[in-house]
Protein backbone atom coordinates (compact mmCIF):
# COMPACT_ATOMS: atom_id res chain seq x y z
CA MET A 1 0.00 0.00 0.00
CA SER A 2 1.32 3.44 -0.94
CA ARG A 3 1.42 5.88 1.93
CA VAL A 4 2.74 9.33 2.68
CA CYS A 5 3.96 9.60 6.26
CA SER A 6 4.99 12.64 8.24
CA ALA A 7 8.48 12.43 9.63
CA SER A 8 7.51 13.85 13.01
CA ILE A 9 6.12 11.85 15.91
CA THR A 10 4.79 13.53 19.03
CA LYS A 11 3.29 11.89 22.12
CA VAL A 12 1.19 13.86 24.63
CA ARG A 13 -1.88 13.63 26.87
CA LEU A 14 -0.93 10.28 28.39
CA SER A 15 -3.43 10.78 31.20
CA ASN A 16 -6.26 10.62 28.66
CA VAL A 17 -4.74 7.57 26.99
CA HIS A 18 -4.42 9.47 23.70
CA TRP A 19 -1.42 8.92 21.49
CA PHE A 20 -0.17 11.23 18.79
CA ARG A 21 1.65 9.17 16.21
CA ARG A 22 2.99 9.47 12.70
CA ARG A 23 0.14 10.14 10.31
CA CYS A 24 0.09 8.00 7.19
CA ILE A 25 -2.13 8.88 4.25
CA SER A 26 -2.81 6.03 1.90
CA THR A 27 -2.73 6.74 -1.82
CA ALA A 28 -3.42 3.16 -2.89
CA HIS A 29 -7.15 3.88 -3.09
CA LEU A 30 -6.59 6.73 -5.55
CA ASP A 31 -6.56 6.35 -9.29
CA PRO A 32 -3.03 5.33 -10.38
CA SER A 33 -2.65 8.57 -12.35
CA LEU A 34 -3.02 10.59 -9.11
CA ARG A 35 -0.99 8.56 -6.63
CA ASP A 36 2.46 10.04 -7.18
CA PHE A 37 1.05 13.54 -7.57
CA THR A 38 -0.88 13.26 -4.31
CA SER A 39 2.05 11.75 -2.44
CA GLU A 40 4.29 14.63 -3.40
CA LEU A 41 1.64 17.28 -2.80
CA VAL A 42 0.60 16.24 0.71
CA SER A 43 4.20 15.73 1.80
CA LYS A 44 4.51 19.53 1.80
CA LYS A 45 0.99 20.89 2.28
CA PRO A 46 -1.75 20.65 4.92
CA VAL A 47 -4.28 17.96 4.07
CA PHE A 48 -7.70 17.26 5.56
CA GLN A 49 -9.42 13.88 5.33
CA ILE A 50 -13.16 14.42 5.05
CA LYS A 51 -15.99 11.94 5.12
CA PRO A 52 -17.72 12.05 1.72
CA THR A 53 -21.18 12.45 3.23
CA CYS A 54 -19.98 15.68 4.88
CA ILE A 55 -19.36 17.27 1.47
CA ARG A 56 -22.24 18.83 -0.42
CA VAL A 57 -22.04 20.31 -3.91
CA LEU A 58 -24.49 23.16 -4.46
CA ASN A 59 -25.44 24.20 -7.97
CA ARG A 60 -27.62 27.31 -7.90
CA PRO A 61 -27.24 30.85 -6.52
CA THR A 62 -30.47 30.47 -4.55
CA GLU A 63 -29.06 27.36 -2.86
CA PHE A 64 -25.98 29.32 -1.89
CA TYR A 65 -28.01 32.13 -0.36
CA ASP A 66 -30.52 29.91 1.43
CA THR A 67 -27.72 27.75 2.84
CA LEU A 68 -25.82 30.81 4.05
CA LEU A 69 -28.85 32.21 5.84
CA ASP A 70 -29.61 28.81 7.37
CA MET A 71 -26.03 28.52 8.63
CA ILE A 72 -26.24 31.96 10.25
CA ARG A 73 -29.56 31.16 11.93
CA ARG A 74 -27.96 28.06 13.51
CA ALA A 75 -24.75 29.76 14.66
CA GLU A 76 -23.71 29.17 18.27
CA ARG A 77 -20.11 30.33 18.71
CA ARG A 78 -18.75 32.11 15.67
CA ILE A 79 -19.57 33.37 12.22
CA PHE A 80 -16.57 34.07 10.01
CA ILE A 81 -16.95 35.49 6.52
CA SER A 82 -14.32 36.42 3.97
CA SER A 83 -15.51 38.10 0.80
CA LEU A 84 -14.73 40.96 -1.55
CA TYR A 85 -17.58 43.16 -0.31
CA ILE A 86 -21.24 43.23 0.76
CA GLY A 87 -23.81 44.60 -1.65
CA SER A 88 -25.81 47.71 -0.80
CA GLY A 89 -29.19 45.96 -0.88
CA GLU A 90 -28.48 43.01 1.41
CA SER A 91 -30.81 44.04 4.23
CA GLU A 92 -32.01 40.46 4.81
CA LEU A 93 -28.47 39.18 5.26
CA ILE A 94 -27.60 41.97 7.69
CA SER A 95 -30.83 41.62 9.66
CA THR A 96 -30.29 37.87 9.94
CA LEU A 97 -26.82 38.47 11.38
CA VAL A 98 -28.16 41.05 13.84
CA GLN A 99 -30.99 38.81 14.95
CA ARG A 100 -28.67 35.89 15.66
CA LEU A 101 -26.21 38.10 17.55
CA ARG A 102 -29.07 39.28 19.75
CA GLU A 103 -30.28 35.72 20.33
CA LYS A 104 -26.83 34.34 21.20
CA PRO A 105 -24.82 36.55 23.60
CA GLU A 106 -21.75 34.30 23.21
CA LEU A 107 -21.72 34.51 19.42
CA ASP A 108 -18.92 36.43 17.66
CA LEU A 109 -18.92 37.73 14.10
CA HIS A 110 -15.78 38.17 11.98
CA PHE A 111 -15.59 39.81 8.56
CA LEU A 112 -12.55 40.03 6.28
CA LEU A 113 -13.19 42.20 3.20
CA ASP A 114 -11.39 44.20 0.55
CA ILE A 115 -10.89 47.82 1.56
CA ASN A 116 -11.20 49.33 -1.91
CA ARG A 117 -14.48 47.63 -2.75
CA SER A 118 -15.86 48.18 0.75
CA THR A 119 -15.16 51.89 1.13
CA ARG A 120 -16.35 53.28 -2.17
CA PRO A 121 -17.94 56.72 -1.80
CA GLY A 122 -21.62 56.89 -0.98
CA PRO A 123 -24.06 55.97 1.79
CA SER A 124 -24.45 52.36 0.62
CA SER A 125 -20.81 51.32 0.90
CA THR A 126 -20.01 48.16 2.83
CA SER A 127 -18.29 50.16 5.55
CA LYS A 128 -21.44 52.23 6.15
CA ILE A 129 -23.62 49.09 6.13
CA LEU A 130 -21.55 47.43 8.87
CA LEU A 131 -21.20 50.41 11.20
CA PRO A 132 -24.51 49.74 13.02
CA LEU A 133 -23.31 46.22 13.89
CA LEU A 134 -20.05 47.58 15.26
CA ARG A 135 -21.92 50.11 17.38
CA GLU A 136 -24.42 47.61 18.79
CA PHE A 137 -21.91 44.77 19.36
CA PRO A 138 -18.55 46.51 19.81
CA SER A 139 -16.85 43.58 21.57
CA ARG A 140 -18.36 40.82 19.42
CA VAL A 141 -18.12 42.09 15.84
CA GLU A 142 -14.77 42.41 14.08
CA VAL A 143 -14.47 43.86 10.58
CA SER A 144 -11.04 43.72 8.94
CA MET A 145 -10.25 45.24 5.57
CA PHE A 146 -7.31 44.20 3.43
CA ARG A 147 -5.53 46.76 1.29
CA SER A 148 -3.08 45.65 -1.38
CA PRO A 149 0.35 47.22 -0.79
CA SER A 150 1.00 47.34 -4.55
CA LEU A 151 -0.88 50.63 -4.93
CA ARG A 152 1.42 53.16 -3.26
CA GLY A 153 3.24 56.40 -3.76
CA ILE A 154 1.79 59.01 -6.07
CA LEU A 155 -0.46 56.45 -7.76
CA SER A 156 -2.34 55.82 -4.53
CA ARG A 157 -3.45 59.46 -4.64
CA LEU A 158 -4.13 59.73 -8.35
CA VAL A 159 -6.04 56.51 -9.15
CA PRO A 160 -9.83 56.99 -8.85
CA PRO A 161 -11.69 54.77 -6.33
CA ARG A 162 -13.36 52.75 -9.07
CA PHE A 163 -10.02 51.67 -10.53
CA ASN A 164 -7.79 51.24 -7.47
CA GLU A 165 -8.65 47.55 -7.18
CA GLY A 166 -6.65 47.05 -10.38
CA TRP A 167 -3.56 46.84 -8.16
CA GLY A 168 -4.90 43.93 -6.17
CA THR A 169 -7.86 42.84 -4.07
CA TRP A 170 -8.68 40.52 -1.21
CA HIS A 171 -10.36 37.79 -3.24
CA ALA A 172 -10.73 34.78 -0.90
CA LYS A 173 -14.32 33.62 -0.27
CA ILE A 174 -15.04 31.78 3.00
CA TYR A 175 -18.47 31.43 4.59
CA GLY A 176 -18.07 29.75 7.96
CA VAL A 177 -20.28 29.11 10.97
CA ASP A 178 -19.00 27.15 13.97
CA ASP A 179 -17.50 24.01 12.35
CA ASP A 180 -19.29 24.29 9.00
CA VAL A 181 -17.60 25.96 6.02
CA MET A 182 -18.83 26.85 2.55
CA ILE A 183 -16.17 27.65 -0.04
CA SER A 184 -17.18 29.58 -3.13
CA GLY A 185 -16.17 32.22 -5.64
CA ALA A 186 -19.35 34.19 -4.98
CA ASN A 187 -19.54 37.55 -3.24
CA LEU A 188 -22.30 38.89 -0.99
CA ASN A 189 -24.45 40.72 -3.49
CA LYS A 190 -27.97 40.19 -4.84
CA SER A 191 -26.85 38.95 -8.26
CA TYR A 192 -24.76 36.20 -6.63
CA PHE A 193 -27.91 35.05 -4.82
CA THR A 194 -30.17 35.08 -7.86
CA ASN A 195 -28.77 35.10 -11.41
CA ARG A 196 -24.95 35.03 -11.32
CA GLN A 197 -23.66 31.48 -11.66
CA ASP A 198 -20.76 30.37 -9.47
CA ARG A 199 -19.55 27.26 -7.61
CA TYR A 200 -20.30 26.36 -3.99
CA LEU A 201 -19.02 23.44 -1.88
CA LEU A 202 -20.25 22.96 1.68
CA PHE A 203 -18.33 21.03 4.34
CA ASN A 204 -20.35 20.07 7.42
CA SER A 205 -18.98 19.34 10.90
CA GLN A 206 -15.32 19.81 10.00
CA GLU A 207 -13.60 21.17 13.09
CA ASN A 208 -10.06 21.18 11.69
CA LEU A 209 -11.02 22.65 8.32
CA ALA A 210 -13.17 25.35 9.92
CA GLN A 211 -10.36 26.27 12.30
CA TYR A 212 -7.90 26.45 9.41
CA CYS A 213 -10.18 28.84 7.52
CA PHE A 214 -10.68 30.92 10.66
CA ASP A 215 -6.93 31.03 11.33
CA PHE A 216 -6.30 31.93 7.70
CA MET A 217 -8.54 34.96 8.16
CA LYS A 218 -7.00 35.87 11.52
CA THR A 219 -3.54 35.71 9.96
CA VAL A 220 -4.54 38.34 7.42
CA THR A 221 -5.98 40.65 10.09
CA THR A 222 -2.42 41.25 11.34
CA PHE A 223 -1.76 43.24 8.16
CA SER A 224 -5.26 44.58 7.51
CA TYR A 225 -7.15 47.65 8.68
CA SER A 226 -9.86 47.36 11.33
CA LEU A 227 -13.12 49.17 10.66
CA LEU A 228 -14.32 51.12 13.70
CA PRO A 229 -16.87 53.83 14.39
CA ALA A 230 -15.03 57.15 14.45
CA SER A 231 -16.31 57.92 17.94
CA ALA A 232 -14.99 54.63 19.34
CA MET A 233 -11.53 55.32 17.97
CA SER A 234 -11.27 58.86 19.27
CA SER A 235 -12.25 57.82 22.77
CA SER A 236 -9.90 54.83 22.98
CA GLU A 237 -6.61 56.22 21.64
CA SER A 238 -4.76 59.19 23.03
CA CYS A 239 -1.83 58.52 20.63
CA PRO A 240 -3.37 57.29 17.39
CA ASN A 241 -1.46 55.08 15.01
CA PRO A 242 0.08 57.31 12.32
CA HIS A 243 -1.17 54.95 9.60
CA SER A 244 -4.80 54.97 10.77
CA TYR A 245 -7.23 57.47 9.35
CA THR A 246 -10.82 58.64 9.78
CA HIS A 247 -13.28 59.21 6.97
CA GLU A 248 -16.64 60.73 7.76
CA ASP A 249 -18.15 58.53 10.50
CA TYR A 250 -15.71 55.60 10.50
CA THR A 251 -12.05 55.00 11.23
CA LEU A 252 -9.73 52.54 9.54
CA HIS A 253 -7.22 51.47 12.16
CA TRP A 254 -3.87 50.01 11.15
CA PRO A 255 -2.74 47.41 13.74
CA ASP A 256 1.06 47.62 13.46
CA ASN A 257 2.94 50.84 14.27
CA ASN A 258 6.19 49.29 13.06
CA THR A 259 4.99 48.28 9.59
CA HIS A 260 3.81 50.68 6.91
CA PRO A 261 0.55 49.67 5.12
CA HIS A 262 2.38 49.95 1.80
CA HIS A 263 5.31 47.75 2.82
CA PHE A 264 4.18 44.57 4.55
CA ASN A 265 5.01 42.12 1.73
CA SER A 266 7.69 40.23 3.66
CA LYS A 267 5.48 40.10 6.76
CA ALA A 268 2.61 38.63 4.74
CA GLU A 269 4.87 36.10 3.03
CA LEU A 270 6.17 34.87 6.37
CA ALA A 271 2.69 34.77 7.90
CA PHE A 272 1.20 32.68 5.09
CA SER A 273 4.20 30.34 5.03
CA ASN A 274 4.03 29.85 8.80
CA LEU A 275 0.29 29.14 8.64
CA GLN A 276 0.74 26.42 6.04
CA GLU A 277 3.66 24.86 7.86
CA HIS A 278 1.80 25.00 11.19
CA TYR A 279 -1.16 23.11 9.78
CA HIS A 280 1.05 20.71 7.88
CA GLN A 281 2.64 19.77 11.20
CA LYS A 282 -0.57 20.00 13.25
CA LEU A 283 -2.44 17.59 11.04
CA THR A 284 0.27 14.99 11.48
CA GLN A 285 -0.52 14.80 15.19
CA LEU A 286 -3.74 12.84 15.30
CA PRO A 287 -5.16 11.27 18.49
CA SER A 288 -5.33 7.53 17.98
CA GLY A 289 -4.95 4.14 19.53
CA PRO A 290 -1.96 1.84 19.08
CA GLU A 291 -3.15 0.87 15.57
CA VAL A 292 -4.84 3.13 13.09
CA SER A 293 -6.29 2.07 9.77
CA PRO A 294 -6.23 5.05 7.39
CA LYS A 295 -9.70 5.98 6.17
CA ASN A 296 -10.23 6.06 2.44
CA TYR A 297 -11.79 9.48 2.58
CA PRO A 298 -11.42 12.37 0.13
CA LEU A 299 -8.36 14.56 0.67
CA LEU A 300 -8.72 18.34 0.80
CA VAL A 301 -5.63 20.50 0.31
CA PRO A 302 -5.73 24.32 0.81
CA ILE A 303 -3.90 26.27 -1.88
CA ILE A 304 -2.86 29.89 -1.26
CA GLN A 305 -1.88 32.03 -4.23
CA ALA A 306 -0.59 35.52 -3.43
CA GLY A 307 1.95 36.46 -6.06
CA GLN A 308 2.70 39.90 -4.63
CA PHE A 309 3.79 38.12 -1.42
CA ASN A 310 5.77 35.43 -3.25
CA ILE A 311 3.26 32.72 -2.28
CA ARG A 312 2.62 30.64 -5.40
CA GLU A 313 1.13 27.36 -4.25
CA GLU A 314 -1.42 27.21 -7.07
CA GLU A 315 1.30 27.46 -9.69
CA SER A 316 3.40 24.76 -8.07
CA ALA A 317 0.34 22.47 -7.76
CA PHE A 318 -0.46 22.91 -11.46
CA ARG A 319 3.11 22.16 -12.50
CA LEU A 320 3.19 19.13 -10.25
CA LEU A 321 -0.12 17.79 -11.58
CA PHE A 322 0.84 18.10 -15.23
CA ARG A 323 4.29 16.69 -14.61
CA HIS A 324 2.67 13.52 -13.33
CA LEU A 325 0.06 13.45 -16.10
CA PHE A 326 2.68 13.87 -18.82
CA GLY A 327 3.70 10.63 -20.50
CA GLN A 328 0.79 8.54 -19.25
CA SER A 329 -0.83 5.93 -21.46
CA THR A 330 -3.05 7.44 -24.15
CA LYS A 331 -5.42 4.47 -23.80
CA THR A 332 -7.01 6.22 -20.83
CA ARG A 333 -6.70 9.90 -21.74
CA PRO A 334 -7.70 12.06 -18.76
CA LEU A 335 -10.26 14.80 -19.34
CA LEU A 336 -9.66 18.21 -17.81
CA ASP A 337 -12.66 20.54 -17.55
CA LEU A 338 -11.69 24.14 -16.85
CA THR A 339 -13.82 27.24 -16.42
CA SER A 340 -13.41 30.89 -15.57
CA GLY A 341 -15.81 33.79 -15.73
CA TYR A 342 -12.81 35.94 -16.62
CA PHE A 343 -10.95 33.72 -19.05
CA SER A 344 -7.47 34.96 -19.83
CA LEU A 345 -5.63 31.80 -18.90
CA TYR A 346 -2.33 32.35 -17.14
CA LYS A 347 0.41 31.69 -19.72
CA PRO A 348 2.21 28.93 -17.74
CA TYR A 349 -1.12 27.08 -17.36
CA GLN A 350 -1.78 27.48 -21.08
CA ASP A 351 1.62 26.01 -21.88
CA LEU A 352 1.01 23.05 -19.58
CA ILE A 353 -2.31 22.27 -21.27
CA LEU A 354 -0.95 22.65 -24.80
CA ASN A 355 2.24 20.70 -24.13
CA THR A 356 0.63 17.69 -22.46
CA PRO A 357 -0.74 15.62 -25.35
CA GLU A 358 -2.12 12.92 -23.08
CA VAL A 359 -4.78 15.23 -21.58
CA ASN A 360 -7.95 16.43 -23.32
CA CYS A 361 -9.28 19.78 -22.16
CA ARG A 362 -12.74 21.37 -22.37
CA ILE A 363 -12.99 25.03 -21.38
CA VAL A 364 -16.04 27.17 -20.62
CA ALA A 365 -15.63 30.95 -20.65
CA ALA A 366 -18.25 33.64 -20.16
CA SER A 367 -19.78 35.03 -23.33
CA PRO A 368 -19.59 38.83 -23.59
CA LYS A 369 -23.23 39.15 -22.47
CA ALA A 370 -22.55 36.89 -19.46
CA ASN A 371 -19.60 39.03 -18.35
CA GLY A 372 -20.48 41.10 -15.30
CA PHE A 373 -19.12 44.24 -16.97
CA TYR A 374 -21.30 43.90 -20.08
CA GLY A 375 -23.07 47.18 -20.75
CA SER A 376 -21.00 49.18 -18.25
CA SER A 377 -20.19 52.78 -19.05
CA GLY A 378 -16.73 54.09 -19.79
CA ILE A 379 -13.62 51.93 -19.89
CA SER A 380 -15.29 49.17 -17.87
CA GLY A 381 -17.59 48.53 -20.82
CA ARG A 382 -14.57 47.43 -22.85
CA ILE A 383 -13.73 44.60 -20.44
CA PRO A 384 -15.83 41.89 -22.19
CA GLU A 385 -14.18 42.86 -25.47
CA GLY A 386 -10.80 42.59 -23.77
CA TYR A 387 -11.55 39.01 -22.78
CA THR A 388 -12.57 38.26 -26.37
CA LEU A 389 -9.07 39.41 -27.36
CA TYR A 390 -7.51 37.04 -24.81
CA GLU A 391 -9.68 34.18 -26.09
CA LYS A 392 -8.60 34.86 -29.67
CA ARG A 393 -4.97 34.74 -28.62
CA PHE A 394 -5.56 31.49 -26.73
CA MET A 395 -7.24 29.81 -29.71
CA LYS A 396 -4.43 30.98 -31.96
CA ALA A 397 -2.00 29.17 -29.63
CA VAL A 398 -4.24 26.08 -29.63
CA THR A 399 -4.26 26.06 -33.42
CA LYS A 400 -0.49 26.48 -33.57
CA ALA A 401 -0.08 23.54 -31.17
CA ARG A 402 -2.42 21.46 -33.37
CA LYS A 403 -4.69 20.83 -30.41
CA ILE A 404 -8.03 21.96 -31.87
CA TRP A 405 -10.79 19.66 -30.64
CA SER A 406 -11.55 16.86 -33.07
CA GLY A 407 -14.35 14.35 -32.71
CA PRO A 408 -18.08 13.86 -33.25
CA SER A 409 -19.14 15.67 -30.06
CA GLU A 410 -17.98 17.54 -26.97
CA LYS A 411 -18.01 14.25 -25.06
CA ASP A 412 -16.29 12.20 -27.72
CA GLY A 413 -13.14 13.80 -29.03
CA LYS A 414 -9.63 14.91 -28.23
CA GLY A 415 -7.68 18.11 -28.05
CA VAL A 416 -8.80 21.46 -26.61
CA LEU A 417 -12.39 22.70 -26.87
CA LEU A 418 -13.39 26.27 -25.97
CA SER A 419 -17.08 27.02 -25.40
CA GLU A 420 -18.85 30.10 -24.07
CA TRP A 421 -21.52 30.25 -21.36
CA GLU A 422 -24.64 32.23 -22.04
CA LYS A 423 -28.03 32.22 -20.33
CA PRO A 424 -30.59 34.99 -20.86
CA GLY A 425 -30.65 37.40 -17.93
CA TRP A 426 -27.70 35.72 -16.17
CA THR A 427 -24.00 36.43 -15.72
CA TYR A 428 -21.20 33.91 -15.20
CA HIS A 429 -18.65 33.86 -12.39
CA ALA A 430 -17.74 30.16 -11.92
CA LYS A 431 -14.14 29.06 -11.86
CA GLY A 432 -12.06 25.96 -11.27
CA ILE A 433 -11.07 22.64 -12.78
CA TRP A 434 -12.35 19.08 -12.73
CA LEU A 435 -10.13 16.15 -13.70
CA SER A 436 -11.67 12.84 -14.78
CA PRO A 437 -9.83 9.60 -15.60
CA ASN A 438 -11.56 9.62 -19.01
CA ALA A 439 -14.52 11.20 -20.77
CA SER A 440 -16.99 8.58 -19.55
CA SER A 441 -16.04 8.64 -15.85
CA PRO A 442 -16.94 11.22 -13.17
CA PRO A 443 -14.20 13.51 -11.80
CA PHE A 444 -11.78 12.34 -9.14
CA LEU A 445 -10.17 15.77 -8.60
CA THR A 446 -11.44 19.33 -8.53
CA LEU A 447 -9.94 22.73 -7.80
CA PHE A 448 -12.41 25.29 -6.45
CA GLY A 449 -12.36 28.57 -4.59
CA SER A 450 -11.57 32.13 -5.57
CA THR A 451 -8.94 31.81 -8.31
CA ASN A 452 -9.84 32.81 -11.86
CA LEU A 453 -6.79 30.93 -13.18
CA ASN A 454 -5.52 34.04 -14.94
CA SER A 455 -2.53 36.32 -14.62
CA ARG A 456 -4.37 38.60 -12.21
CA SER A 457 -5.05 35.70 -9.83
CA ALA A 458 -1.44 34.57 -10.13
CA HIS A 459 0.24 37.91 -9.52
CA ILE A 460 -2.10 40.58 -8.17
CA ASP A 461 -5.02 39.30 -6.08
CA THR A 462 -4.81 37.21 -2.92
CA GLU A 463 -6.56 33.87 -3.49
CA LEU A 464 -7.59 30.84 -1.48
CA SER A 465 -8.59 27.68 -3.31
CA PHE A 466 -8.79 24.00 -2.46
CA LEU A 467 -7.89 20.78 -4.22
CA LEU A 468 -10.32 17.95 -3.52
CA ILE A 469 -8.93 14.52 -4.41
CA ILE A 470 -11.43 11.67 -4.31
CA PRO A 471 -10.57 7.97 -4.04
CA SER A 472 -11.82 5.96 -6.97
CA GLU A 473 -11.61 2.54 -5.35
CA PRO A 474 -11.58 2.15 -1.53
CA GLN A 475 -9.37 -0.80 -0.70
CA GLY A 476 -9.01 -3.09 2.24
CA SER A 477 -11.77 -4.28 4.52
CA SER A 478 -13.22 -3.20 7.81
CA SER A 479 -12.18 -5.01 10.94
CA ALA A 480 -14.37 -5.84 13.90
CA GLU A 481 -11.54 -4.53 16.06
CA GLU A 482 -11.95 -1.07 14.57
CA PRO A 483 -15.00 0.49 16.25
CA ASP A 484 -15.13 3.42 13.82
CA ALA A 485 -14.65 1.33 10.71
CA VAL A 486 -17.14 1.80 7.91
CA PRO A 487 -17.98 -1.07 5.54
CA GLN A 488 -16.03 -0.52 2.33
CA THR A 489 -19.11 -1.00 0.17
CA SER A 490 -20.72 1.93 2.00
CA VAL A 491 -17.66 4.13 1.55
CA ALA A 492 -17.42 3.19 -2.13
CA SER A 493 -21.03 4.19 -2.67
CA GLU A 494 -20.53 7.52 -0.88
CA LEU A 495 -17.41 8.30 -2.91
CA LEU A 496 -19.14 7.47 -6.17
CA THR A 497 -22.06 9.70 -5.20
CA LEU A 498 -19.69 12.60 -4.55
CA ARG A 499 -17.96 12.11 -7.88
CA GLN A 500 -21.33 11.97 -9.62
CA ASP A 501 -22.31 15.22 -7.89
CA LEU A 502 -19.23 16.86 -9.41
CA ALA A 503 -20.12 15.38 -12.80
CA ARG A 504 -23.59 16.90 -12.51
CA GLU A 505 -21.97 20.22 -11.60
CA ILE A 506 -19.99 20.16 -14.85
CA ASP A 507 -23.02 19.05 -16.86
CA GLY A 508 -25.06 21.87 -15.33
CA ILE A 509 -22.48 24.41 -16.44
CA ARG A 510 -22.10 22.90 -19.90
CA THR A 511 -25.88 22.88 -20.37
CA ASN A 512 -25.60 26.62 -21.06
CA ALA A 513 -22.33 26.39 -22.97
CA VAL A 514 -22.44 26.95 -26.72
CA GLU A 515 -19.89 27.06 -29.50
CA TRP A 516 -17.32 29.80 -29.00
CA LYS A 517 -18.09 32.67 -31.37
CA GLY A 518 -15.20 34.93 -30.44
CA GLY A 519 -13.39 34.25 -33.69
CA HIS A 520 -16.05 36.25 -35.52
CA ARG A 521 -16.16 39.16 -33.06
CA LYS A 522 -14.34 42.38 -33.81
CA VAL A 523 -11.98 43.82 -31.21
CA ARG A 524 -11.43 47.54 -31.63
CA TRP A 525 -7.87 48.83 -31.80
CA THR A 526 -8.57 51.11 -28.83
CA THR A 527 -9.51 48.03 -26.77
CA LYS A 528 -6.22 46.40 -27.77
CA ILE A 529 -4.37 49.46 -26.50
CA ILE A 530 -6.31 49.38 -23.21
CA VAL A 531 -5.50 45.67 -22.76
CA TRP A 532 -1.84 46.39 -23.46
CA LEU A 533 -1.82 49.21 -20.90
CA VAL A 534 -3.46 47.25 -18.07
CA LYS A 535 -1.63 44.03 -18.97
CA GLY A 536 -2.27 41.46 -16.21
CA MET A 537 -4.95 43.49 -14.43
CA LEU A 538 -7.76 41.80 -16.38
C-alpha cells in the first residue's frame, strides 16, 4: 500500500490515553494517475481527510443564499466570513446576522473584506452598512479590511476609487459558521444570490477545516485595517497610530505601528508560510490508539496564491499535476474541464495544457453578455471585449499547437475545446477545474475557490482555493476490532455519489455552454491598447 507519512512523531496527553503518532495517508485507493502527484503534494501541504457524506455540492445561486442564511440562523459560537464586499441591498443578510447576535450573547462575528471595494464613496458602501453592527456589538463584531500594498506612492493618490482595485484585491471567499464551512467564488451581493452562476461546496462538521479557515482569516488581520466607528476610535486612543485614518463617520485602524501599510510584503509572506507549515505539522498529530487504519476518505488541500507576497502554491500544484500526467498511457486519456468567468488563462497554465498531449481539455468561458461588466459605461464597458481578445490569442495558440478539438461531439473527441456560457438574464462567475480519468467517468479531482486561473489571480489578487482529491476505489476491509470502521461497500457508494455530484456540476455548467463565437467578433484597436496598458490586471 502506498502511503505518505509525516516524519515527526509527538506523544502527549498520556493521562487521557491518547497517542499522537505518525500520520500516514494512503494513496493506494486513488486512481493510479493521481498517486504520485498526491504523495508529493501532501508531503509539503496541509491535508484534511473528510468523510464524503460531509461534502455537499451546491449548484444554484439560490441554494448558496438559502444555505448561508440557514447557517447563520444556527450559529452558536462564531460566524466568520471572507468576501470581496457586501452589496448595498443586502438588508435580509444583515438583519439575519443582527438577529442571531441578539439571540446568542456568546456569538462572535468576523468579517474580512477588501478595503477598496468596501469603502467606495456613498451611503451604501459596505463600511457604512456594517457600522450599526459595530456600534451595537462593539466587543463581538470584528471587521477587517485588506488593502493591497501594490498601490502606493503618487499612484495611490491619483487613481480613482473605481479603478484602485486594479492593483490587487482581497479575493478569498469563506463562509463559515461554527464548524461548517462553505467555499465559493461568490460575493455577498444580490446577483450572486439570484442570477450570477458560481460554484459552492459545503463542508459540514469539519472542526479542523473550519479552524484552518478561521486562522487563515486571523492571519490576514495582522496586516489589515480594522473598521471602527469614528467615535470609538477617538475615545480609545490618546496617541493614534500614524497609519490609521478617519473618513466621515468611521475610522480605519492600522494594527502595526512598526509596519507601513504599503510595505508589509515580507510580513505577509512569512505569515502565510508559517500558517501552512503549522497546519502541515498540526495535522500529522492525530489522536489515535496503538493501531490506526487510514480511512479512504477524500483529501482536501488548501492552496494559497498571493503572487505579490511570493506565495505561489497554485502554480506549483499545477506544475506538479501536469508533470505527473505527462507521458501517461493514451489508452485512458484524462479529461480536464476548466472554467473561468474571466478567461485569460495564465500563460504557464496554457503552456502546460498545450504541451501535455495525453490530456484532453474542455474550457467554458463567459460570453460577452454573461460578463459582469457587459453594458457598463466608460472603460469598464470594454472589459468583455478585452476578454474576447484574450480568447482569440488562446485559440491561436491552440491552433499552432495542433490541439483543436476533433471528434463527433464535446463528449467524444480529443484536443482542446473552448465554449462560451450564455443564459438569458444571467452572468457567469464560476471558476475551477475538474479532472476525470476519461470522458466517460466522473471527476476524481477538482480545484475550487476564488482563483480565476488568470494572470491577475497569479500575480495581483490574494486567493484561497482548495484541491479535492477523491478515491476511486476504496481498498481493504473493515475489521471488527476497529469500532469506527465503515464497511467498504458503503464508503465506495458515498465516494461514487460525490464524484457523480461533481459530474452533474460540470453538466449543469455545460448545459448553457455553446460554441465559441469569439473568432467572428471584432476587437477595436482602442480596446487592444487598453489591454496592453493594463496588462495582467484583467
